[in-house]
PDB file of all heavy atoms in Angstrom:
ATOM      1  N   VAL A   1     -11.201  -3.761  -7.169  1.00  0.00           N
ATOM      2  CA  VAL A   1      -9.931  -4.448  -6.935  1.00  0.00           C
ATOM      3  C   VAL A   1      -9.784  -4.510  -5.421  1.00  0.00           C
ATOM      4  O   VAL A   1      -9.308  -3.574  -4.778  1.00  0.00           O
ATOM      5  CB  VAL A   1      -8.752  -3.718  -7.586  1.00  0.00           C
ATOM      6  CG1 VAL A   1      -7.472  -4.563  -7.466  1.00  0.00           C
ATOM      7  CG2 VAL A   1      -9.046  -3.425  -9.055  1.00  0.00           C
ATOM      8  N   GLY A   2     -10.267  -5.611  -4.845  1.00  0.00           N
ATOM      9  CA  GLY A   2     -10.377  -5.712  -3.401  1.00  0.00           C
ATOM     10  C   GLY A   2      -9.092  -6.154  -2.729  1.00  0.00           C
ATOM     11  O   GLY A   2      -8.278  -6.883  -3.316  1.00  0.00           O
ATOM     12  N   ASP A   3      -8.922  -5.736  -1.473  1.00  0.00           N
ATOM     13  CA  ASP A   3      -7.764  -6.223  -0.721  1.00  0.00           C
ATOM     14  C   ASP A   3      -7.931  -7.698  -0.363  1.00  0.00           C
ATOM     15  O   ASP A   3      -7.010  -8.318   0.171  1.00  0.00           O
ATOM     16  CB  ASP A   3      -7.488  -5.377   0.512  1.00  0.00           C
ATOM     17  CG  ASP A   3      -8.623  -5.369   1.522  1.00  0.00           C
ATOM     18  OD1 ASP A   3      -9.679  -5.983   1.250  1.00  0.00           O
ATOM     19  OD2 ASP A   3      -8.464  -4.739   2.591  1.00  0.00           O
ATOM     20  N   SER A   4      -9.080  -8.268  -0.710  1.00  0.00           N
ATOM     21  CA  SER A   4      -9.268  -9.719  -0.606  1.00  0.00           C
ATOM     22  C   SER A   4      -8.268 -10.468  -1.480  1.00  0.00           C
ATOM     23  O   SER A   4      -8.079 -11.681  -1.323  1.00  0.00           O
ATOM     24  CB  SER A   4     -10.696 -10.103  -1.011  1.00  0.00           C
ATOM     25  OG  SER A   4     -11.085  -9.463  -2.211  1.00  0.00           O
ATOM     26  N   LEU A   5      -7.582  -9.752  -2.373  1.00  0.00           N
ATOM     27  CA  LEU A   5      -6.532 -10.386  -3.173  1.00  0.00           C
ATOM     28  C   LEU A   5      -5.451 -10.965  -2.278  1.00  0.00           C
ATOM     29  O   LEU A   5      -4.747 -11.918  -2.668  1.00  0.00           O
ATOM     30  CB  LEU A   5      -5.941  -9.397  -4.185  1.00  0.00           C
ATOM     31  CG  LEU A   5      -5.125  -8.197  -3.678  1.00  0.00           C
ATOM     32  CD1 LEU A   5      -3.654  -8.546  -3.442  1.00  0.00           C
ATOM     33  CD2 LEU A   5      -5.210  -7.032  -4.675  1.00  0.00           C
ATOM     34  N   GLY A   6      -5.311 -10.415  -1.076  1.00  0.00           N
ATOM     35  CA  GLY A   6      -4.331 -10.957  -0.147  1.00  0.00           C
ATOM     36  C   GLY A   6      -4.580 -12.420   0.150  1.00  0.00           C
ATOM     37  O   GLY A   6      -3.639 -13.210   0.305  1.00  0.00           O
ATOM     38  N   MET A   7      -5.856 -12.813   0.198  1.00  0.00           N
ATOM     39  CA  MET A   7      -6.208 -14.197   0.512  1.00  0.00           C
ATOM     40  C   MET A   7      -6.325 -15.048  -0.743  1.00  0.00           C
ATOM     41  O   MET A   7      -5.798 -16.154  -0.802  1.00  0.00           O
ATOM     42  CB  MET A   7      -7.504 -14.224   1.310  1.00  0.00           C
ATOM     43  CG  MET A   7      -7.436 -13.404   2.600  1.00  0.00           C
ATOM     44  SD  MET A   7      -9.006 -13.224   3.437  1.00  0.00           S
ATOM     45  CE  MET A   7      -9.155 -14.816   4.220  1.00  0.00           C
ATOM     46  N   VAL A   8      -7.025 -14.542  -1.762  1.00  0.00           N
ATOM     47  CA  VAL A   8      -7.317 -15.386  -2.928  1.00  0.00           C
ATOM     48  C   VAL A   8      -6.203 -15.397  -3.963  1.00  0.00           C
ATOM     49  O   VAL A   8      -6.106 -16.331  -4.769  1.00  0.00           O
ATOM     50  CB  VAL A   8      -8.643 -14.965  -3.599  1.00  0.00           C
ATOM     51  CG1 VAL A   8      -9.796 -15.089  -2.623  1.00  0.00           C
ATOM     52  CG2 VAL A   8      -8.567 -13.549  -4.172  1.00  0.00           C
ATOM     53  N   MET A   9      -5.334 -14.377  -3.952  1.00  0.00           N
ATOM     54  CA  MET A   9      -4.241 -14.313  -4.926  1.00  0.00           C
ATOM     55  C   MET A   9      -2.863 -14.517  -4.304  1.00  0.00           C
ATOM     56  O   MET A   9      -1.980 -15.106  -4.915  1.00  0.00           O
ATOM     57  CB  MET A   9      -4.259 -12.964  -5.657  1.00  0.00           C
ATOM     58  CG  MET A   9      -5.514 -12.690  -6.456  1.00  0.00           C
ATOM     59  SD  MET A   9      -5.724 -13.780  -7.890  1.00  0.00           S
ATOM     60  CE  MET A   9      -4.460 -13.149  -8.996  1.00  0.00           C
ATOM     61  N   LEU A  10      -2.675 -14.014  -3.082  1.00  0.00           N
ATOM     62  CA  LEU A  10      -1.349 -14.025  -2.470  1.00  0.00           C
ATOM     63  C   LEU A  10      -1.203 -15.053  -1.360  1.00  0.00           C
ATOM     64  O   LEU A  10      -0.097 -15.260  -0.858  1.00  0.00           O
ATOM     65  CB  LEU A  10      -1.010 -12.622  -1.934  1.00  0.00           C
ATOM     66  CG  LEU A  10      -1.075 -11.495  -2.977  1.00  0.00           C
ATOM     67  CD1 LEU A  10      -0.749 -10.154  -2.336  1.00  0.00           C
ATOM     68  CD2 LEU A  10      -0.127 -11.772  -4.139  1.00  0.00           C
ATOM     69  N   GLY A  11      -2.306 -15.671  -0.928  1.00  0.00           N
ATOM     70  CA  GLY A  11      -2.224 -16.739   0.060  1.00  0.00           C
ATOM     71  C   GLY A  11      -2.062 -16.300   1.489  1.00  0.00           C
ATOM     72  O   GLY A  11      -1.740 -17.112   2.358  1.00  0.00           O
ATOM     73  N   TYR A  12      -2.316 -15.017   1.798  1.00  0.00           N
ATOM     74  CA  TYR A  12      -2.265 -14.562   3.177  1.00  0.00           C
ATOM     75  C   TYR A  12      -3.459 -15.132   3.953  1.00  0.00           C
ATOM     76  O   TYR A  12      -4.459 -15.527   3.362  1.00  0.00           O
ATOM     77  CB  TYR A  12      -2.308 -13.032   3.258  1.00  0.00           C
ATOM     78  CG  TYR A  12      -1.153 -12.312   2.594  1.00  0.00           C
ATOM     79  CD1 TYR A  12      -1.349 -11.075   1.993  1.00  0.00           C
ATOM     80  CD2 TYR A  12       0.135 -12.844   2.580  1.00  0.00           C
ATOM     81  CE1 TYR A  12      -0.294 -10.386   1.399  1.00  0.00           C
ATOM     82  CE2 TYR A  12       1.192 -12.165   1.988  1.00  0.00           C
ATOM     83  CZ  TYR A  12       0.972 -10.931   1.394  1.00  0.00           C
ATOM     84  OH  TYR A  12       2.006 -10.258   0.801  1.00  0.00           O
ATOM     85  N   ASP A  13      -3.348 -15.114   5.270  1.00  0.00           N
ATOM     86  CA  ASP A  13      -4.449 -15.596   6.111  1.00  0.00           C
ATOM     87  C   ASP A  13      -5.568 -14.573   6.255  1.00  0.00           C
ATOM     88  O   ASP A  13      -6.674 -14.906   6.688  1.00  0.00           O
ATOM     89  CB  ASP A  13      -3.926 -15.978   7.501  1.00  0.00           C
ATOM     90  CG  ASP A  13      -3.068 -17.238   7.464  1.00  0.00           C
ATOM     91  OD1 ASP A  13      -3.291 -18.075   6.565  1.00  0.00           O
ATOM     92  OD2 ASP A  13      -2.176 -17.367   8.317  1.00  0.00           O
ATOM     93  N   SER A  14      -5.270 -13.308   5.959  1.00  0.00           N
ATOM     94  CA  SER A  14      -6.268 -12.251   6.056  1.00  0.00           C
ATOM     95  C   SER A  14      -5.887 -11.141   5.087  1.00  0.00           C
ATOM     96  O   SER A  14      -4.892 -11.231   4.364  1.00  0.00           O
ATOM     97  CB  SER A  14      -6.324 -11.694   7.486  1.00  0.00           C
ATOM     98  OG  SER A  14      -5.168 -10.917   7.763  1.00  0.00           O
ATOM     99  N   THR A  15      -6.671 -10.053   5.110  1.00  0.00           N
ATOM    100  CA  THR A  15      -6.361  -8.910   4.246  1.00  0.00           C
ATOM    101  C   THR A  15      -5.329  -7.976   4.876  1.00  0.00           C
ATOM    102  O   THR A  15      -4.798  -7.099   4.189  1.00  0.00           O
ATOM    103  CB  THR A  15      -7.636  -8.101   3.956  1.00  0.00           C
ATOM    104  OG1 THR A  15      -8.154  -7.581   5.185  1.00  0.00           O
ATOM    105  CG2 THR A  15      -8.699  -8.962   3.288  1.00  0.00           C
ATOM    106  N   VAL A  16      -5.046  -8.154   6.150  1.00  0.00           N
ATOM    107  CA  VAL A  16      -4.199  -7.214   6.885  1.00  0.00           C
ATOM    108  C   VAL A  16      -2.794  -7.034   6.289  1.00  0.00           C
ATOM    109  O   VAL A  16      -2.292  -5.909   6.210  1.00  0.00           O
ATOM    110  CB  VAL A  16      -4.112  -7.619   8.375  1.00  0.00           C
ATOM    111  CG1 VAL A  16      -3.072  -6.793   9.124  1.00  0.00           C
ATOM    112  CG2 VAL A  16      -5.480  -7.454   9.037  1.00  0.00           C
ATOM    113  N   PRO A  17      -2.103  -8.094   5.832  1.00  0.00           N
ATOM    114  CA  PRO A  17      -0.741  -7.894   5.341  1.00  0.00           C
ATOM    115  C   PRO A  17      -0.630  -7.179   3.989  1.00  0.00           C
ATOM    116  O   PRO A  17       0.471  -6.790   3.589  1.00  0.00           O
ATOM    117  CB  PRO A  17      -0.204  -9.337   5.202  1.00  0.00           C
ATOM    118  CG  PRO A  17      -1.117 -10.185   6.003  1.00  0.00           C
ATOM    119  CD  PRO A  17      -2.447  -9.528   5.920  1.00  0.00           C
ATOM    120  N   VAL A  18      -1.730  -6.997   3.288  1.00  0.00           N
ATOM    121  CA  VAL A  18      -1.672  -6.423   1.942  1.00  0.00           C
ATOM    122  C   VAL A  18      -1.087  -5.008   1.986  1.00  0.00           C
ATOM    123  O   VAL A  18      -1.451  -4.189   2.825  1.00  0.00           O
ATOM    124  CB  VAL A  18      -3.073  -6.386   1.301  1.00  0.00           C
ATOM    125  CG1 VAL A  18      -3.018  -5.733  -0.070  1.00  0.00           C
ATOM    126  CG2 VAL A  18      -3.636  -7.795   1.186  1.00  0.00           C
ATOM    127  N   THR A  19      -0.175  -4.718   1.059  1.00  0.00           N
ATOM    128  CA  THR A  19       0.505  -3.423   1.023  1.00  0.00           C
ATOM    129  C   THR A  19      -0.055  -2.535  -0.089  1.00  0.00           C
ATOM    130  O   THR A  19      -0.744  -3.004  -1.005  1.00  0.00           O
ATOM    131  CB  THR A  19       2.005  -3.608   0.772  1.00  0.00           C
ATOM    132  OG1 THR A  19       2.198  -4.132  -0.559  1.00  0.00           O
ATOM    133  CG2 THR A  19       2.630  -4.564   1.782  1.00  0.00           C
ATOM    134  N   MET A  20       0.284  -1.262  -0.027  1.00  0.00           N
ATOM    135  CA  MET A  20      -0.100  -0.332  -1.081  1.00  0.00           C
ATOM    136  C   MET A  20       0.499  -0.758  -2.422  1.00  0.00           C
ATOM    137  O   MET A  20      -0.185  -0.730  -3.450  1.00  0.00           O
ATOM    138  CB  MET A  20       0.365   1.084  -0.733  1.00  0.00           C
ATOM    139  CG  MET A  20      -0.597   1.877   0.119  1.00  0.00           C
ATOM    140  SD  MET A  20      -2.184   2.234  -0.712  1.00  0.00           S
ATOM    141  CE  MET A  20      -1.644   3.143  -2.148  1.00  0.00           C
ATOM    142  N   ASP A  21       1.765  -1.142  -2.416  1.00  0.00           N
ATOM    143  CA  ASP A  21       2.408  -1.529  -3.676  1.00  0.00           C
ATOM    144  C   ASP A  21       1.726  -2.740  -4.303  1.00  0.00           C
ATOM    145  O   ASP A  21       1.582  -2.819  -5.528  1.00  0.00           O
ATOM    146  CB  ASP A  21       3.898  -1.820  -3.456  1.00  0.00           C
ATOM    147  CG  ASP A  21       4.715  -0.553  -3.239  1.00  0.00           C
ATOM    148  OD1 ASP A  21       4.216   0.539  -3.575  1.00  0.00           O
ATOM    149  OD2 ASP A  21       5.849  -0.654  -2.734  1.00  0.00           O
ATOM    150  N   GLU A  22       1.303  -3.691  -3.473  1.00  0.00           N
ATOM    151  CA  GLU A  22       0.589  -4.855  -4.007  1.00  0.00           C
ATOM    152  C   GLU A  22      -0.749  -4.438  -4.610  1.00  0.00           C
ATOM    153  O   GLU A  22      -1.136  -4.900  -5.689  1.00  0.00           O
ATOM    154  CB  GLU A  22       0.384  -5.891  -2.893  1.00  0.00           C
ATOM    155  CG  GLU A  22       1.673  -6.613  -2.518  1.00  0.00           C
ATOM    156  CD  GLU A  22       1.564  -7.436  -1.240  1.00  0.00           C
ATOM    157  OE1 GLU A  22       0.651  -7.181  -0.422  1.00  0.00           O
ATOM    158  OE2 GLU A  22       2.415  -8.327  -1.055  1.00  0.00           O
ATOM    159  N   MET A  23      -1.451  -3.537  -3.933  1.00  0.00           N
ATOM    160  CA  MET A  23      -2.730  -3.067  -4.460  1.00  0.00           C
ATOM    161  C   MET A  23      -2.552  -2.325  -5.779  1.00  0.00           C
ATOM    162  O   MET A  23      -3.301  -2.539  -6.739  1.00  0.00           O
ATOM    163  CB  MET A  23      -3.429  -2.161  -3.438  1.00  0.00           C
ATOM    164  CG  MET A  23      -3.981  -2.864  -2.216  1.00  0.00           C
ATOM    165  SD  MET A  23      -5.170  -4.191  -2.596  1.00  0.00           S
ATOM    166  CE  MET A  23      -6.344  -3.350  -3.643  1.00  0.00           C
ATOM    167  N   ILE A  24      -1.568  -1.456  -5.835  1.00  0.00           N
ATOM    168  CA  ILE A  24      -1.330  -0.690  -7.068  1.00  0.00           C
ATOM    169  C   ILE A  24      -0.987  -1.618  -8.217  1.00  0.00           C
ATOM    170  O   ILE A  24      -1.483  -1.459  -9.348  1.00  0.00           O
ATOM    171  CB  ILE A  24      -0.202   0.339  -6.848  1.00  0.00           C
ATOM    172  CG1 ILE A  24      -0.598   1.370  -5.777  1.00  0.00           C
ATOM    173  CG2 ILE A  24       0.149   1.033  -8.160  1.00  0.00           C
ATOM    174  CD1 ILE A  24      -1.816   2.188  -6.099  1.00  0.00           C
ATOM    175  N   HIS A  25      -0.147  -2.614  -7.945  1.00  0.00           N
ATOM    176  CA  HIS A  25       0.248  -3.591  -8.967  1.00  0.00           C
ATOM    177  C   HIS A  25      -0.976  -4.278  -9.576  1.00  0.00           C
ATOM    178  O   HIS A  25      -1.125  -4.362 -10.805  1.00  0.00           O
ATOM    179  CB  HIS A  25       1.181  -4.624  -8.335  1.00  0.00           C
ATOM    180  CG  HIS A  25       1.516  -5.778  -9.212  1.00  0.00           C
ATOM    181  ND1 HIS A  25       2.512  -5.736 -10.165  1.00  0.00           N
ATOM    182  CD2 HIS A  25       0.987  -7.027  -9.286  1.00  0.00           C
ATOM    183  CE1 HIS A  25       2.570  -6.902 -10.790  1.00  0.00           C
ATOM    184  NE2 HIS A  25       1.661  -7.693 -10.278  1.00  0.00           N
ATOM    185  N   HIS A  26      -1.885  -4.750  -8.724  1.00  0.00           N
ATOM    186  CA  HIS A  26      -3.061  -5.468  -9.216  1.00  0.00           C
ATOM    187  C   HIS A  26      -4.067  -4.521  -9.873  1.00  0.00           C
ATOM    188  O   HIS A  26      -4.713  -4.893 -10.862  1.00  0.00           O
ATOM    189  CB  HIS A  26      -3.708  -6.250  -8.069  1.00  0.00           C
ATOM    190  CG  HIS A  26      -2.934  -7.476  -7.679  1.00  0.00           C
ATOM    191  ND1 HIS A  26      -3.152  -8.704  -8.249  1.00  0.00           N
ATOM    192  CD2 HIS A  26      -1.919  -7.651  -6.800  1.00  0.00           C
ATOM    193  CE1 HIS A  26      -2.318  -9.593  -7.735  1.00  0.00           C
ATOM    194  NE2 HIS A  26      -1.563  -8.981  -6.844  1.00  0.00           N
ATOM    195  N   CYS A  27      -4.196  -3.316  -9.337  1.00  0.00           N
ATOM    196  CA  CYS A  27      -5.108  -2.343  -9.956  1.00  0.00           C
ATOM    197  C   CYS A  27      -4.667  -1.991 -11.371  1.00  0.00           C
ATOM    198  O   CYS A  27      -5.507  -1.855 -12.279  1.00  0.00           O
ATOM    199  CB  CYS A  27      -5.183  -1.072  -9.109  1.00  0.00           C
ATOM    200  SG  CYS A  27      -6.140  -1.236  -7.579  1.00  0.00           S
TER     201      CYS A  27
END
């Protein structure tokens, strides 16, 4: 469950904005 979800799922420009809560939700 990669932080690449920030780009491919959440539309961020990079992985940097991804939060712990977002990661836990997707995991």
